[in-house]
Amino acid sequence: MSAPAAKVSKKELNSNHDGADETSEKEQQEAIEHIDEVQNEIDRLNEQASEEILKVEQKYNKLRQPFFQKRSELIAKIPNFWVTTFVNHPQVSALLGEEDEEALHYLTRVEVTEFEDIKSGYRIDFYFDENPYFENKVLSKEFHLNESGDPSSKSTEIKWKSGKDLTKRSSQTQNKASRKRQHEEPESFFTWFTDHSDAGADELGEVIKDDIWPNPLQYYLVPDMDDEEGEGEEDDDDDEEEEGLEDIDEEGDEDEGEEDEDDDEGEEGEVKENLAKPKKITFEEITVILGIMYIV
């Protein structure tokens, strides 16, 4: 017969529990210290990776420059390339009023220049022909980090011609629209040059630099959705008219029906032939587009 188990007092149980807690807390503290050491190594590697990535970006940014220059020369041969590109871009087009589009028809070149260390900022230059809106040949907006490390921006002061300030006209149009409860026109695209309220989150600047500038051709070649919808509606109308004419032909005289059917088929053939005709592009424009695609 086994001896009865020795009774353990509450005092002894509490003492053992306290000892276990002290051991557990000590192990946790040591684990935290080791995690902190490992995290410091990870942060060090991340900093090293950032430096290496920056060097690679700087290298390839320089290598891309001759191709950007060649692309700009080719784009200059295509009339209204940049205004078409901006109008076809969903985010930029939302910022364009009718008069903005008219002014942008004089835009001949866009250039994006990233600063030497890339991280410190970039500049966007817009080159214009002589136009009825402002005196400037070049409008620029620059984004950079100031001495405290905070993002900031500065831009060219637009020298508007008398009565042609689109930013003021846009404001007046919006006020009138608000009073009449009409659809408001967007603020003028050119107000962007005077807006420095949040340089660190300048959506338009980021869109131009990161989306449009790397490959503007993809937006220039976007088909006009309004034209496509219009063609679709015309096709539907043609189908309805054709069905109506067929019903009339069945009820009317057979000979007259045949003549009408022949005429309808002729008209339908002409309509389809006209719809099937592609947009006329000159040989020179095709050559230029192929050249830009080759560069991209």
Protein backbone atom coordinates (compact mmCIF):
# COMPACT_ATOMS: atom_id res chain seq x y z
CA MET A 1 0.00 0.00 0.00
CA SER A 2 1.51 3.30 -1.16
CA ALA A 3 2.17 6.10 1.24
CA PRO A 4 -0.32 8.97 1.18
CA ALA A 5 0.68 12.01 -0.90
CA ALA A 6 2.21 14.82 1.06
CA LYS A 7 0.01 17.87 1.42
CA VAL A 8 1.31 21.09 -0.21
CA SER A 9 0.43 24.30 1.55
CA LYS A 10 -1.07 27.32 -0.24
CA LYS A 11 2.02 29.31 0.69
CA GLU A 12 4.26 26.88 -1.21
CA LEU A 13 1.94 26.93 -4.27
CA ASN A 14 1.96 30.71 -4.41
CA SER A 15 5.74 30.76 -4.07
CA ASN A 16 6.17 28.35 -7.01
CA HIS A 17 3.70 30.35 -9.13
CA ASP A 18 5.52 33.61 -8.44
CA GLY A 19 8.80 31.99 -9.42
CA ALA A 20 7.30 30.77 -12.71
CA ASP A 21 5.95 34.27 -13.45
CA GLU A 22 9.36 35.81 -12.84
CA THR A 23 10.97 33.28 -15.19
CA SER A 24 8.31 33.89 -17.85
CA GLU A 25 8.68 37.68 -17.64
CA LYS A 26 12.46 37.39 -17.89
CA GLU A 27 12.22 35.16 -20.97
CA GLN A 28 9.75 37.56 -22.60
CA GLN A 29 12.01 40.52 -21.94
CA GLU A 30 14.97 38.68 -23.44
CA ALA A 31 12.85 37.74 -26.49
CA ILE A 32 11.81 41.36 -26.97
CA GLU A 33 15.43 42.49 -26.83
CA HIS A 34 16.41 39.87 -29.42
CA ILE A 35 13.48 40.86 -31.68
CA ASP A 36 14.63 44.47 -31.48
CA GLU A 37 18.16 43.45 -32.50
CA VAL A 38 16.85 41.43 -35.45
CA GLN A 39 14.55 44.30 -36.49
CA ASN A 40 17.51 46.68 -36.47
CA GLU A 41 19.30 44.34 -38.89
CA ILE A 42 16.20 44.25 -41.14
CA ASP A 43 16.01 48.05 -41.11
CA ARG A 44 19.69 48.27 -41.96
CA LEU A 45 19.19 45.96 -44.96
CA ASN A 46 16.12 47.96 -46.06
CA GLU A 47 18.19 51.15 -46.03
CA GLN A 48 20.93 49.43 -47.99
CA ALA A 49 18.37 48.13 -50.49
CA SER A 50 16.92 51.64 -50.90
CA GLU A 51 20.37 53.02 -51.66
CA GLU A 52 21.02 50.28 -54.23
CA ILE A 53 17.59 50.75 -55.84
CA LEU A 54 18.20 54.49 -56.03
CA LYS A 55 21.49 53.91 -57.83
CA VAL A 56 19.78 51.62 -60.35
CA GLU A 57 16.98 54.16 -60.89
CA GLN A 58 19.52 56.92 -61.45
CA LYS A 59 21.43 54.77 -63.92
CA TYR A 60 18.40 53.86 -66.02
CA ASN A 61 16.91 57.32 -65.77
CA LYS A 62 19.99 58.60 -67.59
CA LEU A 63 19.81 55.79 -70.14
CA ARG A 64 16.17 56.64 -70.92
CA GLN A 65 16.83 60.31 -71.68
CA PRO A 66 17.95 59.91 -75.34
CA PHE A 67 14.84 57.84 -76.05
CA PHE A 68 12.58 60.41 -74.39
CA GLN A 69 14.21 63.06 -76.56
CA LYS A 70 13.71 61.00 -79.72
CA ARG A 71 10.10 60.35 -78.77
CA SER A 72 9.46 64.08 -78.25
CA GLU A 73 10.85 64.81 -81.71
CA LEU A 74 8.49 62.26 -83.24
CA ILE A 75 5.50 63.47 -81.25
CA ALA A 76 6.12 67.01 -82.54
CA LYS A 77 5.20 65.74 -86.02
CA ILE A 78 1.67 64.78 -84.92
CA PRO A 79 -0.77 67.72 -84.59
CA ASN A 80 -2.68 68.00 -81.30
CA PHE A 81 -0.94 64.96 -79.83
CA TRP A 82 -0.87 66.19 -76.24
CA VAL A 83 -4.34 67.69 -76.06
CA THR A 84 -5.72 64.43 -77.49
CA THR A 85 -3.74 62.44 -74.93
CA PHE A 86 -5.04 64.53 -72.03
CA VAL A 87 -8.64 64.46 -73.27
CA ASN A 88 -8.46 60.66 -73.60
CA HIS A 89 -7.08 60.21 -70.08
CA PRO A 90 -10.01 59.59 -67.66
CA GLN A 91 -8.55 61.49 -64.70
CA VAL A 92 -7.13 64.45 -66.62
CA SER A 93 -10.18 64.88 -68.87
CA ALA A 94 -12.32 65.35 -65.76
CA LEU A 95 -10.32 68.52 -65.03
CA LEU A 96 -10.69 70.03 -68.50
CA GLY A 97 -13.30 72.61 -69.45
CA GLU A 98 -14.04 73.55 -73.06
CA GLU A 99 -11.77 76.59 -73.00
CA ASP A 100 -9.00 74.54 -71.36
CA GLU A 101 -9.12 72.20 -74.34
CA GLU A 102 -8.96 75.14 -76.73
CA ALA A 103 -5.89 76.50 -74.93
CA LEU A 104 -4.23 73.07 -74.86
CA HIS A 105 -4.45 72.88 -78.65
CA TYR A 106 -1.42 75.19 -78.58
CA LEU A 107 0.53 72.72 -76.38
CA THR A 108 3.40 71.32 -78.47
CA ARG A 109 5.59 69.47 -75.98
CA VAL A 110 5.53 68.05 -72.45
CA GLU A 111 8.69 67.11 -70.56
CA VAL A 112 9.07 65.43 -67.16
CA THR A 113 12.48 65.78 -65.48
CA GLU A 114 13.34 63.89 -62.31
CA PHE A 115 16.04 65.48 -60.17
CA GLU A 116 19.47 63.90 -59.86
CA ASP A 117 18.77 61.90 -56.71
CA ILE A 118 15.15 61.24 -57.86
CA LYS A 119 13.86 61.24 -54.25
CA SER A 120 14.13 65.01 -53.97
CA GLY A 121 11.50 65.74 -56.63
CA TYR A 122 10.70 66.40 -60.27
CA ARG A 123 9.60 69.12 -62.72
CA ILE A 124 6.94 69.11 -65.45
CA ASP A 125 7.37 71.53 -68.37
CA PHE A 126 4.61 72.46 -70.83
CA TYR A 127 5.72 74.14 -74.08
CA PHE A 128 3.22 76.28 -75.99
CA ASP A 129 3.05 77.97 -79.37
CA GLU A 130 1.96 81.60 -79.61
CA ASN A 131 -1.64 81.63 -78.42
CA PRO A 132 -4.47 84.06 -77.57
CA TYR A 133 -4.51 83.14 -73.86
CA PHE A 134 -1.12 83.90 -72.27
CA GLU A 135 2.32 85.26 -73.07
CA ASN A 136 4.37 82.37 -71.65
CA LYS A 137 6.16 80.00 -74.00
CA VAL A 138 6.78 77.52 -71.17
CA LEU A 139 4.73 76.75 -68.06
CA SER A 140 6.43 74.67 -65.38
CA LYS A 141 5.53 73.16 -62.04
CA GLU A 142 8.22 71.78 -59.74
CA PHE A 143 7.90 69.44 -56.78
CA HIS A 144 10.70 69.06 -54.26
CA LEU A 145 11.56 68.54 -50.60
CA ASN A 146 12.34 71.69 -48.68
CA GLU A 147 15.07 72.04 -46.03
CA SER A 148 12.88 70.49 -43.34
CA GLY A 149 12.17 67.47 -45.56
CA ASP A 150 8.55 68.41 -46.20
CA PRO A 151 7.19 68.34 -49.79
CA SER A 152 6.58 71.68 -51.45
CA SER A 153 5.96 73.01 -54.95
CA LYS A 154 6.44 76.10 -57.06
CA SER A 155 5.37 77.04 -60.56
CA THR A 156 5.56 79.58 -63.35
CA GLU A 157 3.38 82.65 -62.98
CA ILE A 158 1.02 82.66 -65.92
CA LYS A 159 1.00 85.99 -67.78
CA TRP A 160 -2.59 86.06 -68.98
CA LYS A 161 -3.58 88.25 -71.88
CA SER A 162 -6.32 90.81 -71.26
CA GLY A 163 -9.66 89.13 -70.54
CA LYS A 164 -8.25 85.64 -71.11
CA ASP A 165 -7.57 84.45 -67.54
CA LEU A 166 -9.26 81.03 -67.59
CA THR A 167 -8.88 80.58 -63.83
CA LYS A 168 -11.00 83.66 -63.08
CA ARG A 169 -13.49 82.83 -65.82
CA SER A 170 -13.87 79.33 -64.37
CA SER A 171 -14.61 80.77 -60.92
CA GLN A 172 -17.23 83.14 -62.31
CA THR A 173 -18.86 80.33 -64.30
CA GLN A 174 -19.06 78.14 -61.21
CA ASN A 175 -20.69 80.92 -59.15
CA LYS A 176 -23.35 81.50 -61.80
CA ALA A 177 -23.95 77.77 -62.12
CA SER A 178 -24.37 77.46 -58.36
CA ARG A 179 -26.95 80.23 -58.27
CA LYS A 180 -28.91 78.68 -61.11
CA ARG A 181 -28.42 75.13 -59.78
CA GLN A 182 -26.91 74.07 -63.07
CA HIS A 183 -24.15 71.59 -63.78
CA GLU A 184 -20.88 73.11 -62.62
CA GLU A 185 -17.90 73.28 -64.94
CA PRO A 186 -14.70 71.85 -63.44
CA GLU A 187 -12.09 74.26 -62.20
CA SER A 188 -9.75 75.31 -64.97
CA PHE A 189 -6.84 72.98 -65.63
CA PHE A 190 -4.59 76.02 -65.27
CA THR A 191 -5.53 76.56 -61.61
CA TRP A 192 -3.22 73.59 -60.97
CA PHE A 193 -0.26 75.90 -61.57
CA THR A 194 -1.29 78.12 -58.66
CA ASP A 195 -2.37 75.37 -56.25
CA HIS A 196 0.42 74.58 -53.78
CA SER A 197 -1.81 73.55 -50.87
CA ASP A 198 -0.75 69.89 -50.71
CA ALA A 199 2.39 69.25 -52.73
CA GLY A 200 2.84 65.82 -51.17
CA ALA A 201 -0.46 64.61 -52.63
CA ASP A 202 -0.66 66.38 -55.99
CA GLU A 203 -2.77 63.91 -57.94
CA LEU A 204 -2.43 65.57 -61.34
CA GLY A 205 1.35 65.83 -61.07
CA GLU A 206 1.62 62.16 -60.10
CA VAL A 207 -0.68 61.10 -62.95
CA ILE A 208 1.37 62.99 -65.53
CA LYS A 209 4.70 61.76 -64.16
CA ASP A 210 3.87 58.11 -63.44
CA ASP A 211 1.06 57.28 -65.86
CA ILE A 212 1.08 59.54 -68.91
CA TRP A 213 4.77 60.39 -69.34
CA PRO A 214 6.10 56.78 -69.44
CA ASN A 215 3.84 55.97 -72.42
CA PRO A 216 1.58 58.78 -73.70
CA LEU A 217 0.93 56.93 -76.96
CA GLN A 218 -1.44 54.49 -75.26
CA TYR A 219 -3.79 57.37 -74.42
CA TYR A 220 -3.39 59.13 -77.75
CA LEU A 221 -4.56 55.95 -79.51
CA VAL A 222 -7.58 55.39 -77.25
CA PRO A 223 -10.66 55.31 -79.54
CA ASP A 224 -13.25 58.03 -79.14
CA MET A 225 -15.97 56.35 -77.08
CA ASP A 226 -18.59 58.92 -78.14
CA ASP A 227 -17.97 58.07 -81.79
CA GLU A 228 -18.26 54.35 -81.07
CA GLU A 229 -21.54 54.85 -79.21
CA GLY A 230 -22.81 57.02 -82.06
CA GLU A 231 -21.96 54.35 -84.60
CA GLY A 232 -23.74 51.75 -82.48
CA GLU A 233 -26.89 53.90 -82.33
CA GLU A 234 -26.79 54.43 -86.09
CA ASP A 235 -26.52 50.67 -86.64
CA ASP A 236 -29.57 50.10 -84.40
CA ASP A 237 -31.55 52.76 -86.29
CA ASP A 238 -30.56 51.17 -89.60
CA ASP A 239 -31.76 47.76 -88.38
CA GLU A 240 -35.11 49.19 -87.24
CA GLU A 241 -35.58 51.03 -90.53
CA GLU A 242 -34.70 47.89 -92.46
CA GLU A 243 -37.27 45.83 -90.54
CA GLY A 244 -39.93 48.47 -91.13
CA LEU A 245 -39.20 48.59 -94.84
CA GLU A 246 -39.38 44.80 -95.09
CA ASP A 247 -42.87 44.82 -93.51
CA ILE A 248 -44.01 47.45 -95.99
CA ASP A 249 -42.53 45.46 -98.88
CA GLU A 250 -44.49 42.35 -97.84
CA GLU A 251 -47.78 44.26 -97.75
CA GLY A 252 -47.22 46.26 -100.99
CA ASP A 253 -46.95 45.27 -104.60
CA GLU A 254 -44.34 42.60 -105.26
CA ASP A 255 -42.60 44.50 -108.06
CA GLU A 256 -42.53 47.75 -106.12
CA GLY A 257 -41.33 45.81 -103.11
CA GLU A 258 -38.44 44.43 -105.07
CA GLU A 259 -37.46 47.90 -106.29
CA ASP A 260 -37.73 49.33 -102.79
CA GLU A 261 -35.73 46.44 -101.39
CA ASP A 262 -33.01 47.03 -103.99
CA ASP A 263 -32.93 50.72 -103.10
CA ASP A 264 -32.84 49.94 -99.40
CA GLU A 265 -30.05 47.46 -99.85
CA GLY A 266 -28.15 50.06 -101.86
CA GLU A 267 -28.65 52.68 -99.13
CA GLU A 268 -27.79 50.14 -96.42
CA GLY A 269 -24.66 49.17 -98.32
CA GLU A 270 -23.64 52.82 -98.56
CA VAL A 271 -24.25 53.36 -94.82
CA LYS A 272 -22.28 50.25 -93.88
CA GLU A 273 -19.56 51.16 -96.29
CA ASN A 274 -19.30 54.63 -94.76
CA LEU A 275 -19.29 53.21 -91.22
CA ALA A 276 -16.64 50.71 -92.20
CA LYS A 277 -14.34 53.41 -93.49
CA PRO A 278 -11.48 53.86 -91.04
CA LYS A 279 -10.37 57.25 -89.78
CA LYS A 280 -7.99 58.72 -92.33
CA ILE A 281 -4.43 58.78 -91.05
CA THR A 282 -1.67 60.11 -93.20
CA PHE A 283 1.28 57.95 -94.08
CA GLU A 284 3.52 60.33 -92.16
CA GLU A 285 1.43 59.94 -88.98
CA ILE A 286 1.52 56.14 -89.30
CA THR A 287 5.28 56.25 -89.66
CA VAL A 288 5.61 58.49 -86.60
CA ILE A 289 3.30 56.32 -84.47
CA LEU A 290 5.23 53.19 -85.40
CA GLY A 291 8.43 55.00 -84.47
CA ILE A 292 7.07 55.94 -81.04
CA MET A 293 5.82 52.37 -80.45
CA TYR A 294 9.29 51.08 -81.34
CA ILE A 295 10.84 53.39 -78.72
CA VAL A 296 8.30 52.42 -76.06
